[in-house]
Amino acid sequence: MPIARYGVLACRAVERRREGSAETPHYQIHLLDNSGTHYRAAVNVLSQQAPSELLYAADDDFRHPLTAALPPAGSGWTPLPSERGGAALDFIRGNMFVPASMRTLPPDLPGVDNDLADLLDHYVERAVADPTTALYLFGQRFGPEQGKPDATFGFRPGNGVHDIHMNQGNVGRFRNDDGVWQDGALLFHLPVESRWTAIFLAFQSQAWHTDDVTGHALPTPALRPSVRDAPLRVVGVRTDGFPATAPAESVTLLNASPEPLELTGWQLADAHGNLLALPAQILAPGDTATVSDGDGFHLDKSGGAVTLLDPGGLKVHGVAYTGQQRRREGWMITF
């Protein structure tokens, strides 16, 4: 069954503890909300399933419409329904980042800037030093553990969030945690710079094609395009018609492969899950095709997402955009 107490913790960082590859192992963060409640975030840095090194993606200029749906900074724990359209995360369906951008890092090694703990230090230590930096940690709530001190930082009662990583496509005993719209991540808001940064973590054993209801891994034929080598990609969206001769809303696609590509059966999905079939045509290598809206498919000016589905209905590429990325009327948002 999906994780039981999914949500987001809005707080500020107080201190951190590196456990490396020993103990749990986790990277532990001590946090405090505006009401003075203490929390601990337990961030996995090593997998119990082989391969053991985690996948990570770090975005220093994270732009996504979900940031507008988050609770106020420092407001503490907010439960989230695991569904589309709110602040819940889904690495596959929410187009948070390009999976091909993920890399692996060992948990903790001698030296500087060569492991996952060093990467987390880069962001967390800055947040500790600057109390204006707001943290948002997505995952599963644990506690409050009445009468028990926190196992790492000693505050009472023990209380916090874990499962701060992808929570679908699991194997073995962790398959019971699968679900959709319940992934974990760390988001940092730097108000002085009007900028968001984000860290996404996943296990190498997890699948990137999952069932839309259960979150379980889907069987995929060996020749099916994967999210890491998609031949067709979304490279631009237009959310208004300017000049008047331009489509009011459109998506531009690129055939990045060296072979002609038949578009029959491919579909686009918007942020609300509405589908649009691509017109039947053969797209030459390196060529682009522009598809107008229709059949309920809609690109919101305030922010949205576009997902590309192959003829088998599996996601192979996707993008997201915010209202601020519309530089001015008529400009295409490019990816």
C-alpha atoms as a PDB file:
ATOM      1  CA  MET A   1       0.000   0.000   0.000  1.00  0.00           C
ATOM      2  CA  PRO A   2       1.193   3.628  -0.474  1.00  0.00           C
ATOM      3  CA  ILE A   3       3.009   5.384   2.343  1.00  0.00           C
ATOM      4  CA  ALA A   4       0.527   6.297   5.060  1.00  0.00           C
ATOM      5  CA  ARG A   5       1.292   9.865   6.140  1.00  0.00           C
ATOM      6  CA  TYR A   6       2.476  11.785   3.087  1.00  0.00           C
ATOM      7  CA  GLY A   7       2.983  15.532   3.193  1.00  0.00           C
ATOM      8  CA  VAL A   8       5.422  18.424   3.250  1.00  0.00           C
ATOM      9  CA  LEU A   9       7.323  20.004   6.137  1.00  0.00           C
ATOM     10  CA  ALA A  10       7.880  23.772   5.870  1.00  0.00           C
ATOM     11  CA  CYS A  11      10.590  24.897   8.284  1.00  0.00           C
ATOM     12  CA  ARG A  12      14.132  26.243   8.679  1.00  0.00           C
ATOM     13  CA  ALA A  13      17.355  24.319   9.252  1.00  0.00           C
ATOM     14  CA  VAL A  14      19.069  24.456  12.675  1.00  0.00           C
ATOM     15  CA  GLU A  15      21.888  21.906  12.372  1.00  0.00           C
ATOM     16  CA  ARG A  16      22.872  18.741  10.544  1.00  0.00           C
ATOM     17  CA  ARG A  17      24.616  15.445  11.255  1.00  0.00           C
ATOM     18  CA  ARG A  18      26.393  13.242   8.733  1.00  0.00           C
ATOM     19  CA  GLU A  19      26.118   9.516   9.377  1.00  0.00           C
ATOM     20  CA  GLY A  20      28.000   8.513   6.240  1.00  0.00           C
ATOM     21  CA  SER A  21      27.826   4.819   5.425  1.00  0.00           C
ATOM     22  CA  ALA A  22      27.552   3.835   9.103  1.00  0.00           C
ATOM     23  CA  GLU A  23      24.602   3.723  11.476  1.00  0.00           C
ATOM     24  CA  THR A  24      21.252   4.091   9.651  1.00  0.00           C
ATOM     25  CA  PRO A  25      22.725   5.444   7.212  1.00  0.00           C
ATOM     26  CA  HIS A  26      21.109   8.850   6.690  1.00  0.00           C
ATOM     27  CA  TYR A  27      21.961  12.518   6.473  1.00  0.00           C
ATOM     28  CA  GLN A  28      20.117  14.004   9.449  1.00  0.00           C
ATOM     29  CA  ILE A  29      18.750  17.575   9.547  1.00  0.00           C
ATOM     30  CA  HIS A  30      17.431  19.311  12.682  1.00  0.00           C
ATOM     31  CA  LEU A  31      14.566  21.668  11.790  1.00  0.00           C
ATOM     32  CA  LEU A  32      12.339  24.215  13.502  1.00  0.00           C
ATOM     33  CA  ASP A  33       8.998  25.705  12.434  1.00  0.00           C
ATOM     34  CA  ASN A  34       7.547  29.126  13.312  1.00  0.00           C
ATOM     35  CA  SER A  35       5.684  27.772  16.355  1.00  0.00           C
ATOM     36  CA  GLY A  36       8.899  26.378  17.887  1.00  0.00           C
ATOM     37  CA  THR A  37       8.185  22.718  17.080  1.00  0.00           C
ATOM     38  CA  HIS A  38      11.299  20.621  16.429  1.00  0.00           C
ATOM     39  CA  TYR A  39      11.602  18.069  13.634  1.00  0.00           C
ATOM     40  CA  ARG A  40      14.220  15.758  12.185  1.00  0.00           C
ATOM     41  CA  ALA A  41      14.566  14.981   8.491  1.00  0.00           C
ATOM     42  CA  ALA A  42      16.214  11.610   7.809  1.00  0.00           C
ATOM     43  CA  VAL A  43      17.576  11.713   4.253  1.00  0.00           C
ATOM     44  CA  ASN A  44      18.743   8.398   2.765  1.00  0.00           C
ATOM     45  CA  VAL A  45      22.294   8.424   1.380  1.00  0.00           C
ATOM     46  CA  LEU A  46      22.646   4.651   0.757  1.00  0.00           C
ATOM     47  CA  SER A  47      20.240   2.051  -0.592  1.00  0.00           C
ATOM     48  CA  GLN A  48      19.502  -1.307   1.051  1.00  0.00           C
ATOM     49  CA  GLN A  49      18.854  -2.662  -2.441  1.00  0.00           C
ATOM     50  CA  ALA A  50      21.742  -3.095  -4.873  1.00  0.00           C
ATOM     51  CA  PRO A  51      23.165  -1.030  -6.481  1.00  0.00           C
ATOM     52  CA  SER A  52      23.665   0.807  -3.207  1.00  0.00           C
ATOM     53  CA  GLU A  53      24.626   4.293  -4.430  1.00  0.00           C
ATOM     54  CA  LEU A  54      21.711   6.709  -4.798  1.00  0.00           C
ATOM     55  CA  LEU A  55      20.740   8.664  -7.887  1.00  0.00           C
ATOM     56  CA  TYR A  56      20.480  12.419  -7.418  1.00  0.00           C
ATOM     57  CA  ALA A  57      19.515  15.503  -9.411  1.00  0.00           C
ATOM     58  CA  ALA A  58      20.241  18.994  -8.077  1.00  0.00           C
ATOM     59  CA  ASP A  59      18.601  22.024  -9.704  1.00  0.00           C
ATOM     60  CA  ASP A  60      19.970  25.404  -8.600  1.00  0.00           C
ATOM     61  CA  ASP A  61      17.241  27.306 -10.468  1.00  0.00           C
ATOM     62  CA  PHE A  62      14.159  25.163  -9.986  1.00  0.00           C
ATOM     63  CA  ARG A  63      11.096  26.462 -11.803  1.00  0.00           C
ATOM     64  CA  HIS A  64       7.857  24.547 -11.483  1.00  0.00           C
ATOM     65  CA  PRO A  65       4.217  25.553 -10.885  1.00  0.00           C
ATOM     66  CA  LEU A  66       4.029  23.477  -7.689  1.00  0.00           C
ATOM     67  CA  THR A  67       6.034  26.132  -5.798  1.00  0.00           C
ATOM     68  CA  ALA A  68       2.955  28.375  -5.968  1.00  0.00           C
ATOM     69  CA  ALA A  69       0.882  25.668  -4.221  1.00  0.00           C
ATOM     70  CA  LEU A  70       3.174  25.215  -1.205  1.00  0.00           C
ATOM     71  CA  PRO A  71       2.108  26.215   2.337  1.00  0.00           C
ATOM     72  CA  PRO A  72       3.653  29.326   3.948  1.00  0.00           C
ATOM     73  CA  ALA A  73       7.320  29.188   4.927  1.00  0.00           C
ATOM     74  CA  GLY A  74       7.852  27.883   8.464  1.00  0.00           C
ATOM     75  CA  SER A  75       4.272  26.619   8.822  1.00  0.00           C
ATOM     76  CA  GLY A  76       5.303  23.114   9.906  1.00  0.00           C
ATOM     77  CA  TRP A  77       3.759  19.865   8.734  1.00  0.00           C
ATOM     78  CA  THR A  78       1.019  19.859   6.073  1.00  0.00           C
ATOM     79  CA  PRO A  79      -0.585  16.554   4.995  1.00  0.00           C
ATOM     80  CA  LEU A  80      -0.966  16.291   1.210  1.00  0.00           C
ATOM     81  CA  PRO A  81      -3.432  14.193  -0.768  1.00  0.00           C
ATOM     82  CA  SER A  82      -1.584  11.968  -3.224  1.00  0.00           C
ATOM     83  CA  GLU A  83      -3.218  13.369  -6.320  1.00  0.00           C
ATOM     84  CA  ARG A  84      -2.575  15.537  -9.340  1.00  0.00           C
ATOM     85  CA  GLY A  85      -3.126  19.284  -9.219  1.00  0.00           C
ATOM     86  CA  GLY A  86      -1.826  20.214  -5.763  1.00  0.00           C
ATOM     87  CA  ALA A  87       1.551  20.327  -4.047  1.00  0.00           C
ATOM     88  CA  ALA A  88       2.157  16.551  -4.092  1.00  0.00           C
ATOM     89  CA  LEU A  89       5.245  15.374  -5.999  1.00  0.00           C
ATOM     90  CA  ASP A  90       5.505  12.710  -8.668  1.00  0.00           C
ATOM     91  CA  PHE A  91       8.879  12.354 -10.374  1.00  0.00           C
ATOM     92  CA  ILE A  92       7.324  10.657 -13.393  1.00  0.00           C
ATOM     93  CA  ARG A  93       3.985  12.427 -13.844  1.00  0.00           C
ATOM     94  CA  GLY A  94       4.913  15.860 -12.499  1.00  0.00           C
ATOM     95  CA  ASN A  95       7.901  16.499 -14.821  1.00  0.00           C
ATOM     96  CA  MET A  96      10.045  17.713 -11.928  1.00  0.00           C
ATOM     97  CA  PHE A  97      13.324  17.094 -13.775  1.00  0.00           C
ATOM     98  CA  VAL A  98      14.765  15.046 -16.627  1.00  0.00           C
ATOM     99  CA  PRO A  99      15.571  11.551 -15.317  1.00  0.00           C
ATOM    100  CA  ALA A 100      18.583  11.357 -17.657  1.00  0.00           C
ATOM    101  CA  SER A 101      20.162  14.179 -15.620  1.00  0.00           C
ATOM    102  CA  MET A 102      20.419  11.988 -12.499  1.00  0.00           C
ATOM    103  CA  ARG A 103      23.871  10.823 -11.403  1.00  0.00           C
ATOM    104  CA  THR A 104      25.168   8.509  -8.671  1.00  0.00           C
ATOM    105  CA  LEU A 105      27.293   9.429  -5.660  1.00  0.00           C
ATOM    106  CA  PRO A 106      28.715   7.340  -2.798  1.00  0.00           C
ATOM    107  CA  PRO A 107      27.350   8.240   0.659  1.00  0.00           C
ATOM    108  CA  ASP A 108      30.493   9.543   2.359  1.00  0.00           C
ATOM    109  CA  LEU A 109      34.171   9.488   1.319  1.00  0.00           C
ATOM    110  CA  PRO A 110      37.366  11.190   2.560  1.00  0.00           C
ATOM    111  CA  GLY A 111      37.980  14.420   0.705  1.00  0.00           C
ATOM    112  CA  VAL A 112      35.912  17.382  -0.459  1.00  0.00           C
ATOM    113  CA  ASP A 113      32.927  17.533  -2.835  1.00  0.00           C
ATOM    114  CA  ASN A 114      33.030  13.862  -3.783  1.00  0.00           C
ATOM    115  CA  ASP A 115      30.007  12.275  -2.080  1.00  0.00           C
ATOM    116  CA  LEU A 116      26.297  12.704  -1.415  1.00  0.00           C
ATOM    117  CA  ALA A 117      26.799  14.095   2.083  1.00  0.00           C
ATOM    118  CA  ASP A 118      29.049  16.819   0.622  1.00  0.00           C
ATOM    119  CA  LEU A 119      26.341  17.688  -1.894  1.00  0.00           C
ATOM    120  CA  LEU A 120      23.721  17.988   0.849  1.00  0.00           C
ATOM    121  CA  ASP A 121      26.125  20.032   2.987  1.00  0.00           C
ATOM    122  CA  HIS A 122      26.434  22.554   0.146  1.00  0.00           C
ATOM    123  CA  TYR A 123      22.739  23.416   0.464  1.00  0.00           C
ATOM    124  CA  VAL A 124      21.929  22.625   4.101  1.00  0.00           C
ATOM    125  CA  GLU A 125      24.876  24.436   5.696  1.00  0.00           C
ATOM    126  CA  ARG A 126      23.994  27.566   3.756  1.00  0.00           C
ATOM    127  CA  ALA A 127      20.398  27.256   4.991  1.00  0.00           C
ATOM    128  CA  VAL A 128      21.601  26.878   8.595  1.00  0.00           C
ATOM    129  CA  ALA A 129      23.705  30.030   8.248  1.00  0.00           C
ATOM    130  CA  ASP A 130      20.855  32.015   6.640  1.00  0.00           C
ATOM    131  CA  PRO A 131      17.588  31.744   8.617  1.00  0.00           C
ATOM    132  CA  THR A 132      15.691  33.452   5.776  1.00  0.00           C
ATOM    133  CA  THR A 133      16.131  30.315   3.656  1.00  0.00           C
ATOM    134  CA  ALA A 134      12.929  28.265   3.775  1.00  0.00           C
ATOM    135  CA  LEU A 135      13.072  24.468   3.528  1.00  0.00           C
ATOM    136  CA  TYR A 136      10.313  22.237   2.205  1.00  0.00           C
ATOM    137  CA  LEU A 137      10.818  18.509   2.783  1.00  0.00           C
ATOM    138  CA  PHE A 138       8.423  16.063   1.121  1.00  0.00           C
ATOM    139  CA  GLY A 139       8.014  12.560   2.498  1.00  0.00           C
ATOM    140  CA  GLN A 140       6.322  10.518   5.217  1.00  0.00           C
ATOM    141  CA  ARG A 141       5.713  11.852   8.730  1.00  0.00           C
ATOM    142  CA  PHE A 142       6.935   9.977  11.777  1.00  0.00           C
ATOM    143  CA  GLY A 143       5.993  10.807  15.369  1.00  0.00           C
ATOM    144  CA  PRO A 144       5.333  12.696  17.494  1.00  0.00           C
ATOM    145  CA  GLU A 145       6.802  10.004  19.725  1.00  0.00           C
ATOM    146  CA  GLN A 146       5.400  11.056  23.094  1.00  0.00           C
ATOM    147  CA  GLY A 147       7.766  10.536  26.025  1.00  0.00           C
ATOM    148  CA  LYS A 148      10.733   9.710  23.775  1.00  0.00           C
ATOM    149  CA  PRO A 149      13.591  12.009  22.792  1.00  0.00           C
ATOM    150  CA  ASP A 150      14.653  12.260  19.194  1.00  0.00           C
ATOM    151  CA  ALA A 151      17.178   9.533  18.400  1.00  0.00           C
ATOM    152  CA  THR A 152      19.672  11.942  16.809  1.00  0.00           C
ATOM    153  CA  PHE A 153      19.253  15.446  18.228  1.00  0.00           C
ATOM    154  CA  GLY A 154      17.596  14.698  21.592  1.00  0.00           C
ATOM    155  CA  PHE A 155      14.668  17.131  21.444  1.00  0.00           C
ATOM    156  CA  ARG A 156      11.309  15.964  22.823  1.00  0.00           C
ATOM    157  CA  PRO A 157       9.166  14.443  21.536  1.00  0.00           C
ATOM    158  CA  GLY A 158      10.794  12.646  18.612  1.00  0.00           C
ATOM    159  CA  ASN A 159       9.197  13.980  15.456  1.00  0.00           C
ATOM    160  CA  GLY A 160      10.004  14.379  11.791  1.00  0.00           C
ATOM    161  CA  VAL A 161       9.897  13.218   8.181  1.00  0.00           C
ATOM    162  CA  HIS A 162      11.601  10.418   6.227  1.00  0.00           C
ATOM    163  CA  ASP A 163      11.171   8.680   2.832  1.00  0.00           C
ATOM    164  CA  ILE A 164      12.567  11.850   1.244  1.00  0.00           C
ATOM    165  CA  HIS A 165      13.088  10.142  -2.096  1.00  0.00           C
ATOM    166  CA  MET A 166      11.190   8.560  -4.984  1.00  0.00           C
ATOM    167  CA  ASN A 167       8.420   6.330  -3.599  1.00  0.00           C
ATOM    168  CA  GLN A 168       7.290   4.250  -6.588  1.00  0.00           C
ATOM    169  CA  GLY A 169       8.672   1.585  -8.911  1.00  0.00           C
ATOM    170  CA  ASN A 170      10.240  -0.282  -5.983  1.00  0.00           C
ATOM    171  CA  VAL A 171      11.414  -3.890  -5.906  1.00  0.00           C
ATOM    172  CA  GLY A 172      11.334  -6.544  -3.183  1.00  0.00           C
ATOM    173  CA  ARG A 173       9.847  -5.696   0.187  1.00  0.00           C
ATOM    174  CA  PHE A 174       9.815  -1.980  -0.608  1.00  0.00           C
ATOM    175  CA  ARG A 175       7.218  -2.588  -3.320  1.00  0.00           C
ATOM    176  CA  ASN A 176       4.595  -2.197  -0.580  1.00  0.00           C
ATOM    177  CA  ASP A 177       5.504   1.498  -0.353  1.00  0.00           C
ATOM    178  CA  ASP A 178       4.629   2.158  -4.001  1.00  0.00           C
ATOM    179  CA  GLY A 179       2.170   4.872  -4.882  1.00  0.00           C
ATOM    180  CA  VAL A 180       1.676   7.811  -7.225  1.00  0.00           C
ATOM    181  CA  TRP A 181       1.944  11.499  -6.287  1.00  0.00           C
ATOM    182  CA  GLN A 182       3.840  10.706  -3.074  1.00  0.00           C
ATOM    183  CA  ASP A 183       7.519  11.206  -3.941  1.00  0.00           C
ATOM    184  CA  GLY A 184       9.944  12.952  -1.581  1.00  0.00           C
ATOM    185  CA  ALA A 185      12.396  15.787  -2.187  1.00  0.00           C
ATOM    186  CA  LEU A 186      14.158  18.778  -0.622  1.00  0.00           C
ATOM    187  CA  LEU A 187      13.258  22.282  -1.844  1.00  0.00           C
ATOM    188  CA  PHE A 188      15.015  25.447  -0.689  1.00  0.00           C
ATOM    189  CA  HIS A 189      13.548  28.913  -1.199  1.00  0.00           C
ATOM    190  CA  LEU A 190      16.057  31.782  -1.172  1.00  0.00           C
ATOM    191  CA  PRO A 191      13.806  34.865  -0.931  1.00  0.00           C
ATOM    192  CA  VAL A 192      16.655  37.382  -1.211  1.00  0.00           C
ATOM    193  CA  GLU A 193      17.511  35.934  -4.616  1.00  0.00           C
ATOM    194  CA  SER A 194      13.894  35.091  -5.567  1.00  0.00           C
ATOM    195  CA  ARG A 195      15.151  31.627  -6.396  1.00  0.00           C
ATOM    196  CA  TRP A 196      14.333  27.996  -5.647  1.00  0.00           C
ATOM    197  CA  THR A 197      16.768  25.103  -5.523  1.00  0.00           C
ATOM    198  CA  ALA A 198      15.778  21.441  -5.408  1.00  0.00           C
ATOM    199  CA  ILE A 199      17.360  18.065  -4.675  1.00  0.00           C
ATOM    200  CA  PHE A 200      15.738  14.863  -5.938  1.00  0.00           C
ATOM    201  CA  LEU A 201      16.855  11.396  -4.837  1.00  0.00           C
ATOM    202  CA  ALA A 202      16.024   7.933  -6.182  1.00  0.00           C
ATOM    203  CA  PHE A 203      17.291   4.378  -5.880  1.00  0.00           C
ATOM    204  CA  GLN A 204      18.931   2.734  -8.878  1.00  0.00           C
ATOM    205  CA  SER A 205      16.683  -0.314  -8.375  1.00  0.00           C
ATOM    206  CA  GLN A 206      13.509   1.745  -8.954  1.00  0.00           C
ATOM    207  CA  ALA A 207      11.664   1.736 -12.286  1.00  0.00           C
ATOM    208  CA  TRP A 208      10.857   4.855 -14.327  1.00  0.00           C
ATOM    209  CA  HIS A 209       7.713   3.405 -15.918  1.00  0.00           C
ATOM    210  CA  THR A 210       5.045   2.786 -13.265  1.00  0.00           C
ATOM    211  CA  ASP A 211       1.329   2.040 -13.093  1.00  0.00           C
ATOM    212  CA  ASP A 212      -0.835   5.175 -12.882  1.00  0.00           C
ATOM    213  CA  VAL A 213      -2.859   3.748  -9.977  1.00  0.00           C
ATOM    214  CA  THR A 214      -0.546   1.534  -7.933  1.00  0.00           C
ATOM    215  CA  GLY A 215       2.859   3.039  -8.697  1.00  0.00           C
ATOM    216  CA  HIS A 216       4.219  -0.476  -9.292  1.00  0.00           C
ATOM    217  CA  ALA A 217       6.858  -0.992 -11.965  1.00  0.00           C
ATOM    218  CA  LEU A 218       5.493  -1.780 -15.430  1.00  0.00           C
ATOM    219  CA  PRO A 219       7.011  -4.446 -17.655  1.00  0.00           C
ATOM    220  CA  THR A 220       8.663  -2.701 -20.605  1.00  0.00           C
ATOM    221  CA  PRO A 221       9.818  -4.412 -23.818  1.00  0.00           C
ATOM    222  CA  ALA A 222      13.554  -4.135 -24.368  1.00  0.00           C
ATOM    223  CA  LEU A 223      13.111  -2.107 -27.578  1.00  0.00           C
ATOM    224  CA  ARG A 224      10.684   0.418 -26.085  1.00  0.00           C
ATOM    225  CA  PRO A 225      12.140   3.968 -25.858  1.00  0.00           C
ATOM    226  CA  SER A 226      13.061   4.810 -22.281  1.00  0.00           C
ATOM    227  CA  VAL A 227      13.015   8.122 -20.446  1.00  0.00           C
ATOM    228  CA  ARG A 228      16.794   8.201 -20.887  1.00  0.00           C
ATOM    229  CA  ASP A 229      16.900   7.926 -24.709  1.00  0.00           C
ATOM    230  CA  ALA A 230      13.614   9.389 -25.941  1.00  0.00           C
ATOM    231  CA  PRO A 231      13.693   9.913 -29.727  1.00  0.00           C
ATOM    232  CA  LEU A 232      10.917  12.535 -29.551  1.00  0.00           C
ATOM    233  CA  ARG A 233      11.160  15.460 -27.131  1.00  0.00           C
ATOM    234  CA  VAL A 234       9.228  18.569 -26.156  1.00  0.00           C
ATOM    235  CA  VAL A 235      11.403  21.611 -26.899  1.00  0.00           C
ATOM    236  CA  GLY A 236       8.945  24.507 -26.601  1.00  0.00           C
ATOM    237  CA  VAL A 237       5.431  25.594 -25.658  1.00  0.00           C
ATOM    238  CA  ARG A 238       3.414  28.686 -26.546  1.00  0.00           C
ATOM    239  CA  THR A 239       0.610  29.707 -24.205  1.00  0.00           C
ATOM    240  CA  ASP A 240      -0.895  32.615 -26.169  1.00  0.00           C
ATOM    241  CA  GLY A 241      -1.568  33.543 -29.768  1.00  0.00           C
ATOM    242  CA  PHE A 242       0.703  36.411 -30.828  1.00  0.00           C
ATOM    243  CA  PRO A 243       0.815  37.467 -33.548  1.00  0.00           C
ATOM    244  CA  ALA A 244      -2.825  36.760 -34.345  1.00  0.00           C
ATOM    245  CA  THR A 245      -1.829  34.217 -37.005  1.00  0.00           C
ATOM    246  CA  ALA A 246      -0.039  32.007 -34.454  1.00  0.00           C
ATOM    247  CA  PRO A 247      -1.868  29.144 -32.683  1.00  0.00           C
ATOM    248  CA  ALA A 248      -3.279  30.232 -29.331  1.00  0.00           C
ATOM    249  CA  GLU A 249      -1.554  27.304 -27.624  1.00  0.00           C
ATOM    250  CA  SER A 250       0.987  24.956 -29.143  1.00  0.00           C
ATOM    251  CA  VAL A 251       3.735  22.450 -28.365  1.00  0.00           C
ATOM    252  CA  THR A 252       6.886  22.093 -30.461  1.00  0.00           C
ATOM    253  CA  LEU A 253       8.443  18.631 -30.724  1.00  0.00           C
ATOM    254  CA  LEU A 254      11.872  17.559 -31.963  1.00  0.00           C
ATOM    255  CA  ASN A 255      12.895  14.220 -33.448  1.00  0.00           C
ATOM    256  CA  ALA A 256      16.314  13.939 -31.799  1.00  0.00           C
ATOM    257  CA  SER A 257      17.019  10.493 -33.251  1.00  0.00           C
ATOM    258  CA  PRO A 258      18.929   9.657 -36.462  1.00  0.00           C
ATOM    259  CA  GLU A 259      15.895   7.826 -37.893  1.00  0.00           C
ATOM    260  CA  PRO A 260      12.523   8.970 -39.323  1.00  0.00           C
ATOM    261  CA  LEU A 261       9.800   8.723 -36.683  1.00  0.00           C
ATOM    262  CA  GLU A 262       6.148   7.868 -37.264  1.00  0.00           C
ATOM    263  CA  LEU A 263       3.995   9.985 -34.916  1.00  0.00           C
ATOM    264  CA  THR A 264       0.853   7.867 -35.197  1.00  0.00           C
ATOM    265  CA  GLY A 265      -0.179   6.701 -31.723  1.00  0.00           C
ATOM    266  CA  TRP A 266       1.923   9.238 -29.804  1.00  0.00           C
ATOM    267  CA  GLN A 267       0.062  11.539 -27.395  1.00  0.00           C
ATOM    268  CA  LEU A 268       0.561  14.660 -25.304  1.00  0.00           C
ATOM    269  CA  ALA A 269      -0.871  15.084 -21.790  1.00  0.00           C
ATOM    270  CA  ASP A 270      -1.381  18.422 -20.047  1.00  0.00           C
ATOM    271  CA  ALA A 271      -1.082  19.152 -16.328  1.00  0.00           C
ATOM    272  CA  HIS A 272      -4.648  17.940 -15.761  1.00  0.00           C
ATOM    273  CA  GLY A 273      -4.152  14.648 -17.575  1.00  0.00           C
ATOM    274  CA  ASN A 274      -6.064  15.653 -20.729  1.00  0.00           C
ATOM    275  CA  LEU A 275      -4.723  13.818 -23.788  1.00  0.00           C
ATOM    276  CA  LEU A 276      -4.061  15.065 -27.317  1.00  0.00           C
ATOM    277  CA  ALA A 277      -3.193  12.652 -30.147  1.00  0.00           C
ATOM    278  CA  LEU A 278      -0.330  13.721 -32.401  1.00  0.00           C
ATOM    279  CA  PRO A 279      -1.221  14.057 -36.086  1.00  0.00           C
ATOM    280  CA  ALA A 280      -0.254  11.129 -38.282  1.00  0.00           C
ATOM    281  CA  GLN A 281       2.980  12.091 -40.031  1.00  0.00           C
ATOM    282  CA  ILE A 282       6.570  10.990 -40.402  1.00  0.00           C
ATOM    283  CA  LEU A 283       9.043  13.338 -38.754  1.00  0.00           C
ATOM    284  CA  ALA A 284      12.484  13.333 -40.338  1.00  0.00           C
ATOM    285  CA  PRO A 285      15.659  13.202 -38.208  1.00  0.00           C
ATOM    286  CA  GLY A 286      16.336  16.606 -36.668  1.00  0.00           C
ATOM    287  CA  ASP A 287      12.983  18.044 -37.778  1.00  0.00           C
ATOM    288  CA  THR A 288      10.397  19.704 -35.550  1.00  0.00           C
ATOM    289  CA  ALA A 289       6.607  19.552 -35.526  1.00  0.00           C
ATOM    290  CA  THR A 290       4.231  22.035 -33.898  1.00  0.00           C
ATOM    291  CA  VAL A 291       0.957  20.738 -32.482  1.00  0.00           C
ATOM    292  CA  SER A 292      -1.943  23.028 -31.541  1.00  0.00           C
ATOM    293  CA  ASP A 293      -4.218  22.528 -28.548  1.00  0.00           C
ATOM    294  CA  GLY A 294      -7.540  20.705 -28.788  1.00  0.00           C
ATOM    295  CA  ASP A 295      -9.670  17.855 -27.416  1.00  0.00           C
ATOM    296  CA  GLY A 296      -9.518  19.430 -23.940  1.00  0.00           C
ATOM    297  CA  PHE A 297      -5.708  19.675 -23.951  1.00  0.00           C
ATOM    298  CA  HIS A 298      -4.837  23.084 -22.468  1.00  0.00           C
ATOM    299  CA  LEU A 299      -1.698  25.039 -21.563  1.00  0.00           C
ATOM    300  CA  ASP A 300      -2.365  27.319 -18.595  1.00  0.00           C
ATOM    301  CA  LYS A 301      -0.691  30.736 -18.778  1.00  0.00           C
ATOM    302  CA  SER A 302      -0.055  30.630 -15.022  1.00  0.00           C
ATOM    303  CA  GLY A 303       2.041  27.465 -15.282  1.00  0.00           C
ATOM    304  CA  GLY A 304       1.644  23.872 -16.328  1.00  0.00           C
ATOM    305  CA  ALA A 305       3.215  20.733 -17.705  1.00  0.00           C
ATOM    306  CA  VAL A 306       3.403  18.774 -20.936  1.00  0.00           C
ATOM    307  CA  THR A 307       4.052  15.026 -20.966  1.00  0.00           C
ATOM    308  CA  LEU A 308       4.883  12.984 -24.058  1.00  0.00           C
ATOM    309  CA  LEU A 309       3.518   9.422 -24.235  1.00  0.00           C
ATOM    310  CA  ASP A 310       4.673   6.789 -26.712  1.00  0.00           C
ATOM    311  CA  PRO A 311       2.224   4.551 -28.646  1.00  0.00           C
ATOM    312  CA  GLY A 312       2.227   2.147 -25.696  1.00  0.00           C
ATOM    313  CA  GLY A 313       1.047   4.913 -23.342  1.00  0.00           C
ATOM    314  CA  LEU A 314       4.356   5.186 -21.476  1.00  0.00           C
ATOM    315  CA  LYS A 315       5.972   8.522 -20.662  1.00  0.00           C
ATOM    316  CA  VAL A 316       9.192   9.141 -22.572  1.00  0.00           C
ATOM    317  CA  HIS A 317       9.656  12.884 -22.004  1.00  0.00           C
ATOM    318  CA  GLY A 318       8.066  15.799 -20.178  1.00  0.00           C
ATOM    319  CA  VAL A 319       8.520  19.446 -19.227  1.00  0.00           C
ATOM    320  CA  ALA A 320       7.010  21.930 -16.780  1.00  0.00           C
ATOM    321  CA  TYR A 321       6.856  25.733 -16.845  1.00  0.00           C
ATOM    322  CA  THR A 322       5.791  28.622 -14.613  1.00  0.00           C
ATOM    323  CA  GLY A 323       3.923  31.807 -15.395  1.00  0.00           C
ATOM    324  CA  GLN A 324       7.133  33.775 -14.818  1.00  0.00           C
ATOM    325  CA  GLN A 325       8.806  31.948 -17.702  1.00  0.00           C
ATOM    326  CA  ARG A 326       6.485  33.728 -20.119  1.00  0.00           C
ATOM    327  CA  ARG A 327       8.951  36.553 -20.712  1.00  0.00           C
ATOM    328  CA  ARG A 328       6.394  38.627 -22.588  1.00  0.00           C
ATOM    329  CA  GLU A 329       3.419  38.127 -24.875  1.00  0.00           C
ATOM    330  CA  GLY A 330       4.078  35.943 -27.859  1.00  0.00           C
ATOM    331  CA  TRP A 331       7.388  34.472 -26.694  1.00  0.00           C
ATOM    332  CA  MET A 332       7.775  30.705 -26.771  1.00  0.00           C
ATOM    333  CA  ILE A 333       8.959  28.997 -23.588  1.00  0.00           C
ATOM    334  CA  THR A 334      11.894  26.790 -24.613  1.00  0.00           C
ATOM    335  CA  PHE A 335      13.432  23.743 -22.938  1.00  0.00           C
END
